[in-house]
Protein backbone atom coordinates (compact mmCIF):
# COMPACT_ATOMS: atom_id res chain seq x y z
CA MET A 1 32.91 -145.75 67.74
CA ALA A 2 32.57 -145.91 71.52
CA ALA A 3 34.91 -143.91 73.73
CA ALA A 4 38.06 -145.65 74.88
CA PRO A 5 38.10 -147.07 78.45
CA PRO A 6 40.08 -144.92 80.94
CA HIS A 7 42.85 -147.59 81.33
CA VAL A 8 43.59 -147.65 77.58
CA ALA A 9 46.14 -145.02 76.55
CA TYR A 10 44.91 -144.60 72.96
CA VAL A 11 42.43 -146.22 70.63
CA ALA A 12 42.19 -145.17 66.98
CA GLU A 13 38.81 -143.81 66.08
CA ARG A 14 39.20 -144.14 62.28
CA PHE A 15 41.19 -146.16 59.77
CA TYR A 16 43.37 -144.64 57.06
CA ASP A 17 44.06 -146.11 53.65
CA ASP A 18 47.62 -147.26 52.92
CA GLU A 19 49.65 -144.57 51.26
CA ALA A 20 51.55 -145.20 48.05
CA PRO A 21 55.26 -146.04 48.45
CA PRO A 22 57.77 -143.30 47.64
CA PRO A 23 58.29 -142.95 43.87
CA SER A 24 62.02 -143.59 44.28
CA THR A 25 61.40 -147.15 45.56
CA VAL A 26 59.13 -148.51 42.82
CA GLY A 27 58.99 -148.57 39.04
CA PHE A 28 61.65 -147.69 36.53
CA THR A 29 63.29 -145.14 38.83
CA ALA A 30 63.86 -147.77 41.51
CA TRP A 31 65.28 -150.18 38.92
CA LEU A 32 67.75 -147.53 37.73
CA ARG A 33 68.78 -146.73 41.28
CA GLU A 34 69.24 -150.39 42.23
CA ASN A 35 70.94 -151.71 39.09
CA LEU A 36 72.80 -148.77 37.53
CA PHE A 37 73.34 -146.09 40.15
CA SER A 38 73.52 -148.03 43.42
CA SER A 39 76.97 -146.62 44.30
CA PRO A 40 79.42 -144.00 43.03
CA LEU A 41 81.51 -146.68 41.30
CA ASN A 42 78.48 -148.23 39.59
CA SER A 43 77.27 -144.78 38.55
CA ALA A 44 80.65 -144.00 36.97
CA LEU A 45 80.71 -147.35 35.14
CA THR A 46 77.17 -146.73 33.88
CA VAL A 47 78.11 -143.32 32.52
CA ILE A 48 81.23 -144.71 30.82
CA SER A 49 79.27 -147.61 29.29
CA VAL A 50 76.52 -145.36 27.98
CA THR A 51 79.13 -142.99 26.52
CA LEU A 52 80.91 -145.83 24.70
CA LEU A 53 77.61 -147.16 23.35
CA ALA A 54 76.64 -143.67 22.16
CA LEU A 55 79.99 -143.33 20.38
CA TYR A 56 80.24 -146.71 18.68
CA LEU A 57 76.74 -148.21 18.44
CA PRO A 58 75.40 -145.79 15.78
CA GLY A 59 78.40 -146.48 13.55
CA LEU A 60 78.04 -150.24 14.00
CA PHE A 61 74.32 -150.06 13.24
CA GLN A 62 75.04 -147.96 10.17
CA TRP A 63 77.68 -150.43 8.95
CA ALA A 64 75.60 -153.57 9.64
CA VAL A 65 72.09 -152.39 8.69
CA THR A 66 71.51 -149.06 7.04
CA HIS A 67 74.51 -149.09 4.66
CA SER A 68 74.64 -152.86 4.08
CA VAL A 69 74.12 -154.68 0.79
CA TRP A 70 72.33 -158.02 0.56
CA ASN A 71 72.19 -158.71 -3.17
CA ALA A 72 75.38 -158.69 -5.22
CA SER A 73 77.51 -161.21 -7.06
CA SER A 74 80.90 -159.93 -5.90
CA LEU A 75 82.60 -157.63 -3.42
CA ARG A 76 83.33 -155.18 -6.23
CA GLU A 77 79.64 -154.99 -7.08
CA CYS A 78 78.82 -154.49 -3.40
CA ARG A 79 81.12 -151.47 -3.20
CA ALA A 80 79.74 -150.07 -6.43
CA ILE A 81 76.20 -150.28 -5.02
CA MET A 82 77.36 -148.56 -1.81
CA ASP A 83 79.02 -145.75 -3.74
CA ALA A 84 75.91 -145.23 -5.83
CA SER A 85 73.45 -145.42 -2.94
CA PHE A 86 75.25 -143.89 0.05
CA GLY A 87 77.99 -141.77 -1.43
CA GLU A 88 81.55 -142.18 -2.62
CA GLY A 89 83.76 -143.98 -0.11
CA VAL A 90 80.95 -144.93 2.31
CA ARG A 91 81.39 -148.55 3.35
CA GLY A 92 78.89 -150.93 4.92
CA ALA A 93 78.56 -154.66 5.42
CA CYS A 94 78.46 -156.76 2.28
CA TRP A 95 76.05 -159.43 3.50
CA ALA A 96 75.66 -160.55 -0.10
CA VAL A 97 78.42 -163.09 0.50
CA ILE A 98 76.24 -164.74 3.16
CA ASN A 99 73.23 -164.58 0.86
CA GLU A 100 75.16 -166.22 -1.99
CA ARG A 101 77.14 -168.80 0.04
CA PHE A 102 74.53 -169.54 2.70
CA MET A 103 73.89 -173.12 1.60
CA GLN A 104 77.60 -173.82 1.42
CA LEU A 105 78.09 -172.51 4.95
CA ILE A 106 75.28 -174.77 6.17
CA TYR A 107 75.93 -177.98 4.19
CA GLY A 108 79.52 -177.64 2.99
CA PHE A 109 79.90 -179.53 -0.28
CA TYR A 110 77.08 -181.97 0.43
CA PRO A 111 75.27 -182.71 -2.89
CA SER A 112 72.43 -180.23 -3.30
CA ALA A 113 70.04 -182.90 -4.62
CA LEU A 114 70.53 -184.93 -1.40
CA ARG A 115 70.26 -182.14 1.17
CA TRP A 116 66.84 -183.42 2.21
CA ARG A 117 68.71 -186.22 4.00
CA PRO A 118 70.55 -184.00 6.53
CA ASN A 119 67.32 -182.02 6.93
CA ILE A 120 65.47 -185.16 7.98
CA ALA A 121 68.41 -186.17 10.19
CA PHE A 122 68.15 -182.79 11.93
CA VAL A 123 64.41 -183.26 12.52
CA LEU A 124 65.16 -186.73 13.90
CA LEU A 125 67.66 -185.13 16.26
CA LEU A 126 64.99 -182.77 17.54
CA ILE A 127 62.53 -185.64 18.01
CA ALA A 128 65.17 -187.61 19.91
CA MET A 129 66.13 -184.67 22.12
CA ILE A 130 62.68 -183.44 23.11
CA PRO A 131 61.65 -186.39 25.33
CA VAL A 132 65.07 -186.18 26.99
CA LEU A 133 64.98 -182.44 27.62
CA PHE A 134 61.25 -181.99 28.29
CA GLU A 135 58.52 -183.97 30.02
CA THR A 136 56.28 -184.36 26.98
CA MET A 137 56.58 -184.45 23.22
CA ARG A 138 54.18 -181.53 22.83
CA SER A 139 57.13 -179.22 22.20
CA LEU A 140 57.54 -180.98 18.86
CA LEU A 141 54.22 -179.45 17.81
CA TRP A 142 55.81 -176.00 17.91
CA ILE A 143 58.96 -177.14 16.11
CA ALA A 144 57.19 -179.05 13.35
CA GLY A 145 54.57 -176.32 13.01
CA GLY A 146 57.27 -173.65 12.73
CA GLY A 147 59.12 -175.73 10.15
CA LEU A 148 55.98 -176.11 8.08
CA ALA A 149 55.31 -172.37 8.35
CA ILE A 150 58.81 -171.69 6.98
CA LYS A 151 58.20 -174.20 4.17
CA ALA A 152 54.90 -172.49 3.35
CA ALA A 153 56.58 -169.07 3.25
CA THR A 154 59.35 -170.48 1.03
CA THR A 155 56.72 -171.94 -1.29
CA VAL A 156 54.98 -168.56 -1.56
CA VAL A 157 58.28 -166.96 -2.60
CA SER A 158 58.91 -169.82 -5.03
CA LEU A 159 55.48 -169.35 -6.60
CA ALA A 160 56.05 -165.62 -6.89
CA GLN A 161 59.26 -166.32 -8.79
CA GLY A 162 57.53 -168.85 -11.03
CA ASP A 163 59.38 -171.89 -9.68
CA GLY A 164 56.30 -173.90 -8.65
CA PHE A 165 55.57 -175.85 -5.46
CA GLY A 166 59.10 -177.26 -5.07
CA PRO A 167 59.77 -176.39 -1.37
CA LEU A 168 56.39 -177.70 -0.21
CA GLN A 169 56.88 -181.00 -2.07
CA SER A 170 60.30 -181.85 -0.61
CA PRO A 171 60.74 -185.05 1.50
CA THR A 172 61.48 -182.90 4.56
CA THR A 173 57.98 -181.42 4.40
CA TYR A 174 56.30 -184.83 4.43
CA PHE A 175 58.53 -185.90 7.31
CA MET A 176 57.59 -182.83 9.37
CA VAL A 177 53.91 -183.49 8.69
CA GLY A 178 54.40 -187.02 10.04
CA ALA A 179 56.22 -185.66 13.11
CA LEU A 180 53.38 -183.20 13.67
CA VAL A 181 50.78 -186.01 13.59
CA LEU A 182 52.84 -188.26 15.91
CA ALA A 183 53.42 -185.44 18.39
CA TYR A 184 49.72 -184.64 18.47
CA PHE A 185 48.50 -188.19 19.08
CA PHE A 186 51.43 -189.61 21.09
CA GLY A 187 52.89 -186.53 22.73
CA GLY A 188 51.42 -187.02 26.18
CA ARG A 189 53.48 -187.71 29.27
CA GLU A 190 52.27 -191.30 29.36
CA HIS A 191 54.06 -192.02 26.05
CA ARG A 192 57.39 -190.48 27.07
CA ARG A 193 59.09 -193.80 27.86
CA LYS A 194 58.13 -195.22 24.46
CA TRP A 195 59.66 -192.21 22.74
CA LEU A 196 62.83 -192.55 24.80
CA ILE A 197 63.24 -196.15 23.63
CA LEU A 198 62.49 -195.17 20.04
CA SER A 199 64.99 -192.31 20.27
CA ALA A 200 67.81 -194.82 20.67
CA LEU A 201 67.25 -195.86 17.03
CA PHE A 202 67.49 -192.31 15.69
CA PRO A 203 71.32 -192.10 15.66
CA VAL A 204 71.48 -195.24 13.49
CA ILE A 205 68.83 -193.86 11.13
CA ALA A 206 70.62 -190.50 11.00
CA TYR A 207 73.93 -192.23 10.15
CA PHE A 208 72.46 -194.03 7.14
CA LEU A 209 70.69 -190.86 6.06
CA LEU A 210 73.84 -188.74 6.17
CA TRP A 211 76.40 -191.17 4.76
CA GLY A 212 74.12 -193.51 2.81
CA GLY A 213 75.50 -196.68 1.27
CA ALA A 214 72.50 -198.79 2.33
CA PHE A 215 68.74 -199.07 1.75
CA GLY A 216 69.16 -197.68 -1.75
CA LEU A 217 70.72 -194.40 -0.57
CA ASP A 218 73.71 -193.10 -2.52
CA ARG A 219 76.99 -193.05 -0.66
CA VAL A 220 78.22 -189.57 0.32
CA PRO A 221 81.96 -189.45 1.13
CA SER A 222 83.10 -187.66 4.26
CA SER A 223 85.07 -185.18 2.14
CA ARG A 224 81.75 -183.65 1.05
CA PHE A 225 80.70 -182.85 4.62
CA GLY A 226 81.32 -179.35 5.90
CA GLY A 227 79.83 -176.16 7.27
CA PHE A 228 77.48 -176.19 10.22
CA LEU A 229 76.39 -179.70 9.22
CA LEU A 230 79.85 -180.96 10.23
CA THR A 231 79.77 -178.83 13.38
CA MET A 232 76.43 -180.33 14.41
CA ILE A 233 77.63 -183.89 13.75
CA ILE A 234 80.78 -183.48 15.85
CA GLY A 235 79.19 -181.35 18.56
CA VAL A 236 76.04 -183.40 19.10
CA THR A 237 77.92 -186.72 19.02
CA GLY A 238 80.53 -185.46 21.48
CA ILE A 239 77.92 -184.02 23.83
CA ALA A 240 75.69 -187.11 23.77
CA ALA A 241 78.52 -189.63 24.19
CA SER A 242 80.75 -187.75 26.64
CA LEU A 243 78.17 -187.51 29.44
CA PRO A 244 77.70 -191.27 30.10
CA ILE A 245 81.41 -191.96 29.59
CA GLY A 246 82.28 -189.09 31.93
CA ILE A 247 79.90 -190.43 34.60
CA ALA A 248 81.53 -193.88 34.33
CA LEU A 249 85.01 -192.34 34.62
CA ALA A 250 83.95 -190.26 37.66
CA LEU A 251 82.59 -193.34 39.40
CA GLY A 252 85.71 -195.27 38.41
CA ARG A 253 87.97 -192.61 39.90
CA ARG A 254 86.10 -192.87 43.22
CA SER A 255 86.02 -196.67 43.14
CA ASP A 256 87.60 -198.80 45.87
CA MET A 257 88.96 -201.21 43.24
CA VAL A 258 92.58 -200.22 42.67
CA PHE A 259 92.74 -201.34 39.04
CA ILE A 260 89.60 -199.49 37.94
CA ARG A 261 90.59 -196.38 39.88
CA SER A 262 94.11 -196.39 38.40
CA ILE A 263 92.87 -196.79 34.83
CA SER A 264 90.35 -193.96 35.30
CA VAL A 265 92.92 -191.62 36.87
CA MET A 266 95.52 -192.28 34.16
CA PHE A 267 93.00 -191.74 31.37
CA ILE A 268 91.61 -188.52 32.85
CA GLU A 269 94.99 -187.00 33.65
CA PHE A 270 96.49 -187.93 30.28
CA ILE A 271 93.59 -186.51 28.26
CA ARG A 272 93.44 -183.34 30.35
CA GLY A 273 97.17 -182.83 29.95
CA VAL A 274 97.12 -182.96 26.13
CA PRO A 275 95.64 -180.20 23.94
CA LEU A 276 92.70 -181.17 21.77
CA ILE A 277 94.52 -180.05 18.64
CA THR A 278 97.24 -182.63 19.38
CA LEU A 279 94.64 -185.39 19.65
CA LEU A 280 93.14 -184.27 16.35
CA PHE A 281 96.55 -184.53 14.66
CA VAL A 282 96.93 -188.01 16.14
CA ALA A 283 93.51 -188.94 14.76
CA SER A 284 94.29 -187.61 11.28
CA THR A 285 97.88 -188.79 10.77
CA LEU A 286 99.55 -190.93 13.44
CA LEU A 287 96.62 -193.31 13.88
CA ASN A 288 97.15 -194.69 10.38
CA TYR A 289 100.58 -196.04 11.39
CA PHE A 290 98.97 -198.33 13.97
CA LEU A 291 96.39 -199.78 11.57
CA PRO A 292 96.94 -202.69 9.14
CA PRO A 293 97.90 -201.63 5.60
CA GLY A 294 94.89 -200.89 3.42
CA THR A 295 92.58 -200.22 6.37
CA GLU A 296 90.10 -197.42 5.70
CA PHE A 297 89.18 -195.57 8.86
CA ASP A 298 86.90 -192.62 8.12
CA LEU A 299 88.44 -189.31 9.20
CA ILE A 300 85.23 -187.91 10.65
CA LEU A 301 84.77 -191.09 12.70
CA ARG A 302 88.31 -190.73 14.05
CA VAL A 303 87.62 -187.11 14.97
CA LEU A 304 84.36 -188.09 16.69
CA ILE A 305 86.21 -190.64 18.83
CA MET A 306 88.94 -188.20 19.86
CA VAL A 307 86.54 -185.35 20.60
CA THR A 308 84.33 -187.65 22.68
CA LEU A 309 87.27 -188.97 24.71
CA PHE A 310 88.57 -185.43 25.25
CA ALA A 311 85.21 -184.15 26.48
CA SER A 312 84.68 -187.26 28.64
CA ALA A 313 87.78 -186.52 30.73
CA TYR A 314 86.55 -183.01 31.56
CA MET A 315 83.03 -184.27 32.13
CA ALA A 316 84.36 -186.83 34.60
CA GLU A 317 85.89 -184.09 36.75
CA VAL A 318 82.68 -182.06 36.67
CA VAL A 319 80.62 -185.06 37.80
CA ARG A 320 83.24 -185.97 40.42
CA GLY A 321 82.87 -182.48 41.86
CA GLY A 322 79.12 -183.06 42.18
CA LEU A 323 79.69 -186.42 43.88
CA ALA A 324 82.17 -184.85 46.31
CA ALA A 325 79.70 -182.05 47.14
CA LEU A 326 77.10 -184.49 48.49
CA PRO A 327 77.16 -184.93 52.27
CA LYS A 328 78.36 -188.29 53.53
CA GLY A 329 74.96 -188.86 55.10
CA GLN A 330 73.43 -189.49 51.68
CA TYR A 331 75.73 -192.46 51.14
CA GLU A 332 75.11 -193.72 54.66
CA ALA A 333 71.33 -193.38 54.21
CA ALA A 334 71.49 -195.44 51.03
CA ASP A 335 73.46 -198.14 52.85
CA ALA A 336 71.03 -198.08 55.78
CA MET A 337 68.15 -198.72 53.35
CA GLY A 338 69.88 -201.88 52.14
CA LEU A 339 70.40 -200.60 48.59
CA THR A 340 73.13 -202.07 46.45
CA TYR A 341 75.90 -199.84 45.02
CA TRP A 342 74.20 -199.41 41.64
CA GLN A 343 70.76 -198.90 43.20
CA SER A 344 72.06 -196.16 45.48
CA MET A 345 73.88 -194.49 42.59
CA ARG A 346 70.88 -194.64 40.27
CA LEU A 347 68.21 -193.63 42.79
CA ILE A 348 69.94 -191.35 45.32
CA ILE A 349 73.51 -190.28 44.59
CA LEU A 350 73.74 -189.57 40.86
CA PRO A 351 70.46 -187.59 40.58
CA GLN A 352 71.65 -185.20 43.27
CA ALA A 353 75.22 -185.03 41.96
CA LEU A 354 74.11 -184.28 38.41
CA LYS A 355 71.71 -181.65 39.69
CA ILE A 356 74.57 -179.91 41.48
CA SER A 357 76.79 -180.24 38.42
CA ILE A 358 74.39 -178.75 35.86
CA PRO A 359 76.32 -175.45 35.40
CA GLY A 360 79.61 -177.30 34.95
CA ILE A 361 78.10 -179.87 32.60
CA VAL A 362 76.55 -177.24 30.34
CA ASN A 363 79.76 -175.21 30.44
CA THR A 364 81.65 -178.27 29.19
CA PHE A 365 79.05 -178.78 26.45
CA ILE A 366 79.42 -175.17 25.31
CA GLY A 367 83.21 -175.42 25.29
CA LEU A 368 83.05 -178.65 23.29
CA PHE A 369 80.68 -177.14 20.74
CA LYS A 370 83.02 -174.20 20.18
CA ASP A 371 86.08 -176.47 20.02
CA THR A 372 84.64 -178.16 16.93
CA THR A 373 86.18 -175.30 14.93
CA LEU A 374 89.62 -176.84 15.58
CA VAL A 375 88.94 -179.54 12.99
CA ALA A 376 89.85 -176.97 10.34
CA VAL A 377 93.55 -177.59 11.11
CA ILE A 378 93.30 -181.20 9.88
CA GLY A 379 91.56 -180.33 6.62
CA LEU A 380 87.88 -180.65 7.56
CA LEU A 381 85.84 -177.73 6.27
CA ASP A 382 83.78 -176.55 9.20
CA PRO A 383 82.29 -173.02 8.91
CA LEU A 384 85.62 -171.39 9.75
CA GLY A 385 87.42 -173.72 7.35
CA LEU A 386 85.02 -172.72 4.58
CA THR A 387 85.99 -169.06 4.90
CA ASN A 388 89.32 -169.74 3.16
CA PRO A 389 87.88 -171.19 -0.09
CA ILE A 390 85.18 -168.50 -0.11
CA ARG A 391 87.75 -165.72 0.25
CA ALA A 392 90.01 -167.42 -2.31
CA ASP A 393 87.29 -166.83 -4.90
CA SER A 394 88.21 -163.73 -6.89
CA ASN A 395 84.66 -162.43 -6.47
CA TRP A 396 84.96 -162.32 -2.68
CA ASN A 397 88.67 -161.80 -2.19
CA GLY A 398 89.15 -159.27 0.61
CA ILE A 399 85.95 -159.88 2.55
CA VAL A 400 86.50 -160.76 6.22
CA TRP A 401 84.21 -159.30 8.85
CA GLU A 402 80.92 -160.42 7.31
CA LEU A 403 81.90 -164.10 7.25
CA TYR A 404 83.30 -164.16 10.76
CA GLY A 405 80.43 -162.07 12.08
CA PHE A 406 77.80 -164.44 10.69
CA ILE A 407 79.60 -167.55 11.94
CA GLY A 408 80.10 -166.00 15.38
CA PHE A 409 76.43 -165.03 15.56
CA VAL A 410 75.28 -168.59 14.76
CA PHE A 411 77.64 -170.04 17.38
CA PHE A 412 76.31 -167.49 19.87
CA LEU A 413 72.73 -168.61 19.20
CA PHE A 414 73.57 -172.26 19.86
CA CYS A 415 75.60 -171.53 23.00
CA TRP A 416 73.04 -169.04 24.30
CA GLY A 417 70.31 -171.65 23.79
CA MET A 418 72.23 -174.22 25.83
CA SER A 419 72.84 -171.64 28.56
CA GLN A 420 69.15 -170.70 28.70
CA TYR A 421 68.09 -174.34 28.93
CA SER A 422 70.60 -174.82 31.75
CA MET A 423 69.03 -171.98 33.75
CA PHE A 424 65.53 -173.31 32.98
CA LEU A 425 66.54 -176.74 34.27
CA GLU A 426 68.11 -175.27 37.40
CA ARG A 427 64.95 -173.30 38.20
CA LYS A 428 62.78 -176.35 37.58
CA LEU A 429 64.84 -178.63 39.81
CA ARG A 430 65.26 -175.97 42.48
CA ALA A 431 61.48 -175.77 42.79
CA GLY A 432 61.45 -179.31 44.17
CA ASP A 433 63.61 -178.21 47.12
CA ARG A 434 61.15 -175.61 48.38
CA ARG A 435 59.44 -176.43 51.60
């Protein structure tokens, strides 16, 4: 390199490679410093948390896994197996009650020979939800393929036990094969609108599948419904119906028409001021006094109406918060473009308001799904309601934690799934705001 001119103070004569960053700022050490030991208070909380986990987690793991029993016909047999295997007085989880009563916890008292009908209704629900939640139907390939893989594994177990090809020959298997073929050939983005229109027919088909009474299907009374089947019926119906009703109520509350605004405000404030359990009692008992003598009004249908109205009031306030968060300029811009009220709401206002309200909407959905357990107080046997007849059986009298733990874990999976989809949707929509 040539010598530097006399008027230049300094010119580098060689280049040096970049040095590695300090070890404390990268890798696992940096993550620990930033997330667990960033301050004296956080360090103390980390030490306390680790200590509590070290004290209690091994015992919980021992109770739930290493000293648990999965195959037994009674609680007494479970304890006998524990005494023989792990020592006298050592107690673990008796998951045998879940193994023995699993189908009852899922289907309630739904006839076992007809359980293919709720299975198909559940697959229909997935088919109806996928084009709403995702851009294409290709996700159904994974769902149907996973379902067929489970059926194949069940068939292998059935063959090993000498029971034949029963699981693989069920109506649900043929239906999933059809869903797999449809998703493969018509799952592209260009067919999404067709699937959305077709999805509107799925609730009607699911109703006739579950209750029957038409098209040659045997009638199944509502008293036979229970378990997570009942939870899914109430939760999915309430979630699907409360959102559009809540949007209408939110728009009505902000309306300039005094009558519509007054009706919306009175409905919202009344429903929000009354506990859900009170509305369920009204649906189960008091509503009969206002109906003509001899009128048969299905109890589950009454519960669906009350749960939907209850969730709609809370949904209306969530959506109203999103509408209030939009700057006034959005409304003025829609007016300046010459759009009508409904055009501006459909194209400009509501998309932005619902985007803002996603956390609140999903939070309301999660709360509604968990509130379905309240139907046990009016005699419907949801999963929590089924714990009483299971524990009343002399074989399982005295078992508590295993039933509640399993039910809580299933509810956690559903609620965690809704929460994860909410964050996925927020990230996806936030990407459109980047400049």
